[in-house]
């Protein structure tokens, strides 16, 4: 089941920065291809949700990632 607390924990672990708000914006150093692949794996493992990697990599902030997850569930 997708809950926002687990989502924030995953994003904090992947990005190695404290994420506790949907307002967090990505920069190129943080939102790398490694971060995207790590998110894809974690979302599949934790939520059983498979996302399109291109769509995920095009996200510019945490809110866009969360919306993408919500659409896919």
N, C-alpha and C. Protein backbone atom coordinates (compact mmCIF):
# COMPACT_ATOMS: atom_id res chain seq x y z
N UNK A 1 0.84 -1.19 0.00
CA UNK A 1 0.00 0.00 0.00
C UNK A 1 0.88 1.24 0.00
N UNK A 2 0.51 2.19 -0.81
CA UNK A 2 1.28 3.41 -0.94
C UNK A 2 0.89 4.40 0.15
N UNK A 3 1.84 4.75 1.00
CA UNK A 3 1.57 5.82 1.95
C UNK A 3 2.70 6.84 1.86
N UNK A 4 2.39 8.06 2.17
CA UNK A 4 3.33 9.16 1.94
C UNK A 4 4.55 9.07 2.84
N UNK A 5 4.41 8.54 4.04
CA UNK A 5 5.56 8.42 4.93
C UNK A 5 6.61 7.47 4.34
N UNK A 6 6.17 6.34 3.82
CA UNK A 6 7.09 5.39 3.19
C UNK A 6 7.71 6.01 1.94
N UNK A 7 6.90 6.73 1.19
CA UNK A 7 7.40 7.43 0.00
C UNK A 7 8.52 8.39 0.38
N UNK A 8 8.31 9.20 1.42
CA UNK A 8 9.34 10.14 1.87
C UNK A 8 10.59 9.40 2.34
N UNK A 9 10.43 8.28 3.03
CA UNK A 9 11.57 7.49 3.48
C UNK A 9 12.38 6.98 2.29
N UNK A 10 11.70 6.47 1.28
CA UNK A 10 12.39 5.99 0.08
C UNK A 10 13.14 7.12 -0.58
N UNK A 11 12.49 8.26 -0.76
CA UNK A 11 13.13 9.38 -1.43
C UNK A 11 14.31 9.90 -0.62
N UNK A 12 14.19 9.92 0.70
CA UNK A 12 15.29 10.35 1.57
C UNK A 12 16.49 9.40 1.42
N UNK A 13 16.22 8.10 1.40
CA UNK A 13 17.29 7.12 1.25
C UNK A 13 17.96 7.22 -0.12
N UNK A 14 17.17 7.33 -1.16
CA UNK A 14 17.70 7.37 -2.52
C UNK A 14 18.50 8.65 -2.77
N UNK A 15 17.94 9.78 -2.36
CA UNK A 15 18.57 11.07 -2.65
C UNK A 15 19.60 11.48 -1.61
N UNK A 16 19.62 10.75 -0.49
CA UNK A 16 20.54 11.06 0.61
C UNK A 16 20.38 12.49 1.10
N UNK A 17 19.14 12.95 1.12
CA UNK A 17 18.75 14.25 1.66
C UNK A 17 17.42 14.07 2.35
N UNK A 18 17.19 14.83 3.41
CA UNK A 18 15.93 14.73 4.15
C UNK A 18 14.78 15.25 3.28
N UNK A 19 13.85 14.36 2.98
CA UNK A 19 12.68 14.71 2.18
C UNK A 19 11.46 14.55 3.06
N UNK A 20 10.76 15.64 3.31
CA UNK A 20 9.55 15.57 4.14
C UNK A 20 8.45 16.47 3.61
N UNK A 21 8.59 16.86 2.33
CA UNK A 21 7.62 17.76 1.73
C UNK A 21 7.54 17.48 0.23
N UNK A 22 6.35 17.66 -0.32
CA UNK A 22 6.17 17.50 -1.77
C UNK A 22 6.74 18.69 -2.54
N UNK A 23 7.18 19.73 -1.85
CA UNK A 23 7.70 20.93 -2.49
C UNK A 23 9.16 20.81 -2.92
N UNK A 24 9.84 19.75 -2.51
CA UNK A 24 11.27 19.59 -2.80
C UNK A 24 11.50 19.53 -4.30
N UNK A 25 12.39 20.39 -4.81
CA UNK A 25 12.73 20.42 -6.24
C UNK A 25 14.08 19.74 -6.46
N UNK A 26 14.19 19.02 -7.57
CA UNK A 26 15.42 18.32 -7.91
C UNK A 26 16.40 19.26 -8.62
N UNK A 27 17.69 18.98 -8.44
CA UNK A 27 18.69 19.56 -9.32
C UNK A 27 19.39 18.40 -10.02
N UNK A 28 20.16 18.71 -11.04
CA UNK A 28 20.76 17.65 -11.86
C UNK A 28 21.73 16.76 -11.09
N UNK A 29 22.36 17.31 -10.05
CA UNK A 29 23.31 16.51 -9.27
C UNK A 29 22.59 15.44 -8.46
N UNK A 30 21.40 15.73 -8.01
CA UNK A 30 20.67 14.79 -7.15
C UNK A 30 19.82 13.83 -7.98
N UNK A 31 19.13 14.32 -8.99
CA UNK A 31 18.20 13.49 -9.76
C UNK A 31 18.93 12.87 -10.94
N UNK A 32 19.84 11.97 -10.63
CA UNK A 32 20.67 11.30 -11.63
C UNK A 32 19.99 10.03 -12.13
N UNK A 33 20.59 9.42 -13.12
CA UNK A 33 20.05 8.15 -13.64
C UNK A 33 20.11 7.08 -12.56
N UNK A 34 21.12 7.13 -11.70
CA UNK A 34 21.22 6.15 -10.61
C UNK A 34 20.07 6.34 -9.63
N UNK A 35 19.73 7.60 -9.32
CA UNK A 35 18.61 7.87 -8.42
C UNK A 35 17.30 7.38 -9.02
N UNK A 36 17.12 7.59 -10.31
CA UNK A 36 15.89 7.16 -10.98
C UNK A 36 15.77 5.64 -10.94
N UNK A 37 16.84 4.93 -11.26
CA UNK A 37 16.82 3.46 -11.24
C UNK A 37 16.58 2.96 -9.82
N UNK A 38 17.19 3.60 -8.84
CA UNK A 38 16.98 3.21 -7.44
C UNK A 38 15.52 3.40 -7.04
N UNK A 39 14.93 4.51 -7.46
CA UNK A 39 13.51 4.75 -7.17
C UNK A 39 12.63 3.69 -7.84
N UNK A 40 12.92 3.39 -9.08
CA UNK A 40 12.14 2.37 -9.79
C UNK A 40 12.15 1.05 -9.02
N UNK A 41 13.33 0.65 -8.56
CA UNK A 41 13.46 -0.61 -7.82
C UNK A 41 12.72 -0.54 -6.49
N UNK A 42 12.88 0.56 -5.76
CA UNK A 42 12.22 0.69 -4.45
C UNK A 42 10.70 0.75 -4.58
N UNK A 43 10.21 1.47 -5.58
CA UNK A 43 8.75 1.57 -5.77
C UNK A 43 8.16 0.21 -6.11
N UNK A 44 8.88 -0.56 -6.91
CA UNK A 44 8.44 -1.91 -7.24
C UNK A 44 8.45 -2.78 -5.98
N UNK A 45 9.53 -2.71 -5.23
CA UNK A 45 9.68 -3.54 -4.03
C UNK A 45 8.67 -3.16 -2.94
N UNK A 46 8.54 -1.89 -2.65
CA UNK A 46 7.71 -1.43 -1.53
C UNK A 46 6.22 -1.34 -1.87
N UNK A 47 5.91 -0.95 -3.11
CA UNK A 47 4.51 -0.68 -3.47
C UNK A 47 3.97 -1.58 -4.58
N UNK A 48 4.82 -2.44 -5.16
CA UNK A 48 4.43 -3.25 -6.32
C UNK A 48 3.93 -2.38 -7.47
N UNK A 49 4.61 -1.27 -7.69
CA UNK A 49 4.26 -0.35 -8.77
C UNK A 49 5.46 -0.23 -9.70
N UNK A 50 5.22 -0.50 -10.98
CA UNK A 50 6.25 -0.34 -12.00
C UNK A 50 5.98 0.95 -12.76
N UNK A 51 6.95 1.84 -12.74
CA UNK A 51 6.81 3.11 -13.44
C UNK A 51 7.64 3.11 -14.71
N UNK A 52 7.27 3.97 -15.64
CA UNK A 52 8.04 4.20 -16.85
C UNK A 52 9.27 5.03 -16.46
N UNK A 53 10.45 4.52 -16.73
CA UNK A 53 11.68 5.20 -16.36
C UNK A 53 11.84 6.57 -16.99
N UNK A 54 11.40 6.72 -18.24
CA UNK A 54 11.49 8.03 -18.90
C UNK A 54 10.60 9.06 -18.23
N UNK A 55 9.39 8.64 -17.89
CA UNK A 55 8.48 9.57 -17.21
C UNK A 55 9.04 9.96 -15.84
N UNK A 56 9.59 8.99 -15.13
CA UNK A 56 10.15 9.28 -13.82
C UNK A 56 11.34 10.22 -13.94
N UNK A 57 12.21 9.98 -14.90
CA UNK A 57 13.40 10.82 -15.03
C UNK A 57 13.06 12.25 -15.45
N UNK A 58 11.90 12.45 -16.05
CA UNK A 58 11.46 13.79 -16.45
C UNK A 58 10.83 14.58 -15.32
N UNK A 59 10.60 13.95 -14.18
CA UNK A 59 10.03 14.67 -13.03
C UNK A 59 11.01 15.72 -12.54
N UNK A 60 10.48 16.87 -12.16
CA UNK A 60 11.31 17.99 -11.71
C UNK A 60 11.27 18.20 -10.20
N UNK A 61 10.34 17.52 -9.53
CA UNK A 61 10.22 17.69 -8.08
C UNK A 61 9.53 16.47 -7.48
N UNK A 62 9.51 16.43 -6.16
CA UNK A 62 8.93 15.30 -5.44
C UNK A 62 7.44 15.15 -5.73
N UNK A 63 6.75 16.27 -5.86
CA UNK A 63 5.32 16.23 -6.12
C UNK A 63 5.02 15.50 -7.42
N UNK A 64 5.80 15.75 -8.46
CA UNK A 64 5.59 15.08 -9.75
C UNK A 64 5.82 13.57 -9.62
N UNK A 65 6.81 13.17 -8.84
CA UNK A 65 7.07 11.74 -8.62
C UNK A 65 5.89 11.10 -7.90
N UNK A 66 5.41 11.79 -6.86
CA UNK A 66 4.28 11.26 -6.08
C UNK A 66 3.03 11.14 -6.95
N UNK A 67 2.77 12.13 -7.77
CA UNK A 67 1.60 12.08 -8.66
C UNK A 67 1.72 10.93 -9.65
N UNK A 68 2.92 10.71 -10.17
CA UNK A 68 3.16 9.60 -11.09
C UNK A 68 2.87 8.26 -10.41
N UNK A 69 3.30 8.13 -9.18
CA UNK A 69 3.01 6.91 -8.41
C UNK A 69 1.50 6.74 -8.19
N UNK A 70 0.84 7.82 -7.83
CA UNK A 70 -0.60 7.75 -7.56
C UNK A 70 -1.38 7.37 -8.82
N UNK A 71 -0.95 7.87 -9.97
CA UNK A 71 -1.60 7.52 -11.23
C UNK A 71 -1.41 6.04 -11.58
N UNK A 72 -0.26 5.50 -11.18
CA UNK A 72 0.08 4.12 -11.55
C UNK A 72 -0.50 3.07 -10.62
N UNK A 73 -0.93 3.48 -9.44
CA UNK A 73 -1.38 2.46 -8.47
C UNK A 73 -2.73 1.89 -8.81
